[in-house]
Amino acid sequence: MKDLLIGQGVEPKRREELMAFINARPEVDVVLNLLTLQMGPDVMVAVKARMSPAPDQTTLIEAINSVERAMKAQFPDIRWSFFEPDIAD
């Protein structure tokens, strides 16, 4: 109970499912880093990923937003998500 109040990462199986889901998205080339924090019934996710090529910043932002929407639909306990595009970890 204490861990849920102060925060802990999600269970390893759940993290693997989340990692596989994000890596399978066509907008994402590869997930470089994934952090999770279970806070009571809610989950916070921070993703650092190399994105698939985009022709401009607007398209890149739309791709990130699309991944976040899909992630929250697939994993409804995700309340907060932070997504950082990058080329290396």
C-alpha atoms as a PDB file:
ATOM      1  CA  MET A   1       0.000   0.000   0.000  1.00  0.00           C
ATOM      2  CA  LYS A   2       2.825   2.403   0.885  1.00  0.00           C
ATOM      3  CA  ASP A   3       4.431   1.899  -2.558  1.00  0.00           C
ATOM      4  CA  LEU A   4       1.195   2.917  -4.286  1.00  0.00           C
ATOM      5  CA  LEU A   5       0.978   6.071  -2.197  1.00  0.00           C
ATOM      6  CA  ILE A   6       4.554   7.205  -2.767  1.00  0.00           C
ATOM      7  CA  GLY A   7       4.818   5.814  -6.270  1.00  0.00           C
ATOM      8  CA  GLN A   8       6.492   2.838  -7.906  1.00  0.00           C
ATOM      9  CA  GLY A   9       6.970   1.616 -11.452  1.00  0.00           C
ATOM     10  CA  VAL A  10       4.270  -0.524 -13.021  1.00  0.00           C
ATOM     11  CA  GLU A  11       4.635  -4.307 -12.917  1.00  0.00           C
ATOM     12  CA  PRO A  12       7.316  -5.651 -15.315  1.00  0.00           C
ATOM     13  CA  LYS A  13       4.745  -7.474 -17.502  1.00  0.00           C
ATOM     14  CA  ARG A  14       2.694  -4.289 -17.831  1.00  0.00           C
ATOM     15  CA  ARG A  15       5.837  -2.311 -18.734  1.00  0.00           C
ATOM     16  CA  GLU A  16       6.720  -4.879 -21.422  1.00  0.00           C
ATOM     17  CA  GLU A  17       3.184  -4.593 -22.868  1.00  0.00           C
ATOM     18  CA  LEU A  18       3.461  -0.814 -22.943  1.00  0.00           C
ATOM     19  CA  MET A  19       6.916  -0.931 -24.536  1.00  0.00           C
ATOM     20  CA  ALA A  20       5.726  -3.386 -27.196  1.00  0.00           C
ATOM     21  CA  PHE A  21       2.652  -1.256 -27.928  1.00  0.00           C
ATOM     22  CA  ILE A  22       4.674   1.929 -28.442  1.00  0.00           C
ATOM     23  CA  ASN A  23       7.386   0.178 -30.484  1.00  0.00           C
ATOM     24  CA  ALA A  24       4.691  -1.276 -32.765  1.00  0.00           C
ATOM     25  CA  ARG A  25       3.350   2.168 -33.662  1.00  0.00           C
ATOM     26  CA  PRO A  26       4.352   3.263 -37.192  1.00  0.00           C
ATOM     27  CA  GLU A  27       5.101   6.785 -35.915  1.00  0.00           C
ATOM     28  CA  VAL A  28       7.850   5.416 -33.641  1.00  0.00           C
ATOM     29  CA  ASP A  29      11.154   4.068 -34.919  1.00  0.00           C
ATOM     30  CA  VAL A  30      12.300   2.800 -31.507  1.00  0.00           C
ATOM     31  CA  VAL A  31      11.648   3.522 -27.838  1.00  0.00           C
ATOM     32  CA  LEU A  32      14.901   4.697 -26.278  1.00  0.00           C
ATOM     33  CA  ASN A  33      13.682   4.901 -22.705  1.00  0.00           C
ATOM     34  CA  LEU A  34      10.412   4.304 -20.863  1.00  0.00           C
ATOM     35  CA  LEU A  35       9.704   5.349 -17.293  1.00  0.00           C
ATOM     36  CA  THR A  36       6.479   4.585 -15.458  1.00  0.00           C
ATOM     37  CA  LEU A  37       5.129   5.632 -12.097  1.00  0.00           C
ATOM     38  CA  GLN A  38       2.106   3.999 -10.485  1.00  0.00           C
ATOM     39  CA  MET A  39       0.343   6.528  -8.267  1.00  0.00           C
ATOM     40  CA  GLY A  40      -2.683   4.851  -6.712  1.00  0.00           C
ATOM     41  CA  PRO A  41      -4.926   3.774  -9.596  1.00  0.00           C
ATOM     42  CA  ASP A  42      -3.274   6.221 -12.024  1.00  0.00           C
ATOM     43  CA  VAL A  43      -0.102   5.785 -14.062  1.00  0.00           C
ATOM     44  CA  MET A  44       2.348   8.392 -15.318  1.00  0.00           C
ATOM     45  CA  VAL A  45       4.437   7.498 -18.367  1.00  0.00           C
ATOM     46  CA  ALA A  46       7.521   9.224 -19.740  1.00  0.00           C
ATOM     47  CA  VAL A  47       8.671   8.084 -23.178  1.00  0.00           C
ATOM     48  CA  LYS A  48      11.857   8.987 -25.004  1.00  0.00           C
ATOM     49  CA  ALA A  49      11.731   7.707 -28.571  1.00  0.00           C
ATOM     50  CA  ARG A  50      13.357   8.057 -31.955  1.00  0.00           C
ATOM     51  CA  MET A  51      10.450   8.885 -34.214  1.00  0.00           C
ATOM     52  CA  SER A  52       9.900   7.802 -37.789  1.00  0.00           C
ATOM     53  CA  PRO A  53      10.916  10.544 -40.232  1.00  0.00           C
ATOM     54  CA  ALA A  54       8.465  13.431 -40.504  1.00  0.00           C
ATOM     55  CA  PRO A  55       8.536  16.171 -43.142  1.00  0.00           C
ATOM     56  CA  ASP A  56       8.078  19.004 -40.622  1.00  0.00           C
ATOM     57  CA  GLN A  57       7.555  19.861 -36.952  1.00  0.00           C
ATOM     58  CA  THR A  58       3.774  19.945 -37.202  1.00  0.00           C
ATOM     59  CA  THR A  59       3.693  16.408 -38.582  1.00  0.00           C
ATOM     60  CA  LEU A  60       6.060  15.257 -35.838  1.00  0.00           C
ATOM     61  CA  ILE A  61       3.850  16.805 -33.147  1.00  0.00           C
ATOM     62  CA  GLU A  62       0.749  15.222 -34.691  1.00  0.00           C
ATOM     63  CA  ALA A  63       2.528  11.846 -34.696  1.00  0.00           C
ATOM     64  CA  ILE A  64       3.407  12.168 -31.016  1.00  0.00           C
ATOM     65  CA  ASN A  65      -0.150  13.202 -30.165  1.00  0.00           C
ATOM     66  CA  SER A  66      -1.469  10.210 -32.097  1.00  0.00           C
ATOM     67  CA  VAL A  67       0.765   7.808 -30.158  1.00  0.00           C
ATOM     68  CA  GLU A  68      -0.279   9.357 -26.840  1.00  0.00           C
ATOM     69  CA  ARG A  69      -3.992   9.122 -27.690  1.00  0.00           C
ATOM     70  CA  ALA A  70      -3.660   5.499 -28.762  1.00  0.00           C
ATOM     71  CA  MET A  71      -1.594   4.657 -25.686  1.00  0.00           C
ATOM     72  CA  LYS A  72      -4.199   6.158 -23.339  1.00  0.00           C
ATOM     73  CA  ALA A  73      -7.002   4.349 -25.184  1.00  0.00           C
ATOM     74  CA  GLN A  74      -5.172   1.010 -24.921  1.00  0.00           C
ATOM     75  CA  PHE A  75      -4.082   1.608 -21.311  1.00  0.00           C
ATOM     76  CA  PRO A  76      -6.878   3.665 -19.695  1.00  0.00           C
ATOM     77  CA  ASP A  77      -5.087   3.879 -16.333  1.00  0.00           C
ATOM     78  CA  ILE A  78      -2.486   6.213 -17.908  1.00  0.00           C
ATOM     79  CA  ARG A  79      -3.438   9.636 -16.668  1.00  0.00           C
ATOM     80  CA  TRP A  80      -0.305  11.567 -17.584  1.00  0.00           C
ATOM     81  CA  SER A  81       2.093  11.035 -20.454  1.00  0.00           C
ATOM     82  CA  PHE A  82       5.236  12.898 -21.384  1.00  0.00           C
ATOM     83  CA  PHE A  83       6.754  12.149 -24.770  1.00  0.00           C
ATOM     84  CA  GLU A  84      10.208  13.294 -25.818  1.00  0.00           C
ATOM     85  CA  PRO A  85      11.392  12.762 -29.383  1.00  0.00           C
ATOM     86  CA  ASP A  86      15.140  12.251 -29.598  1.00  0.00           C
ATOM     87  CA  ILE A  87      17.799  10.515 -31.678  1.00  0.00           C
ATOM     88  CA  ALA A  88      19.697   8.818 -28.826  1.00  0.00           C
ATOM     89  CA  ASP A  89      19.272   8.017 -25.164  1.00  0.00           C
END
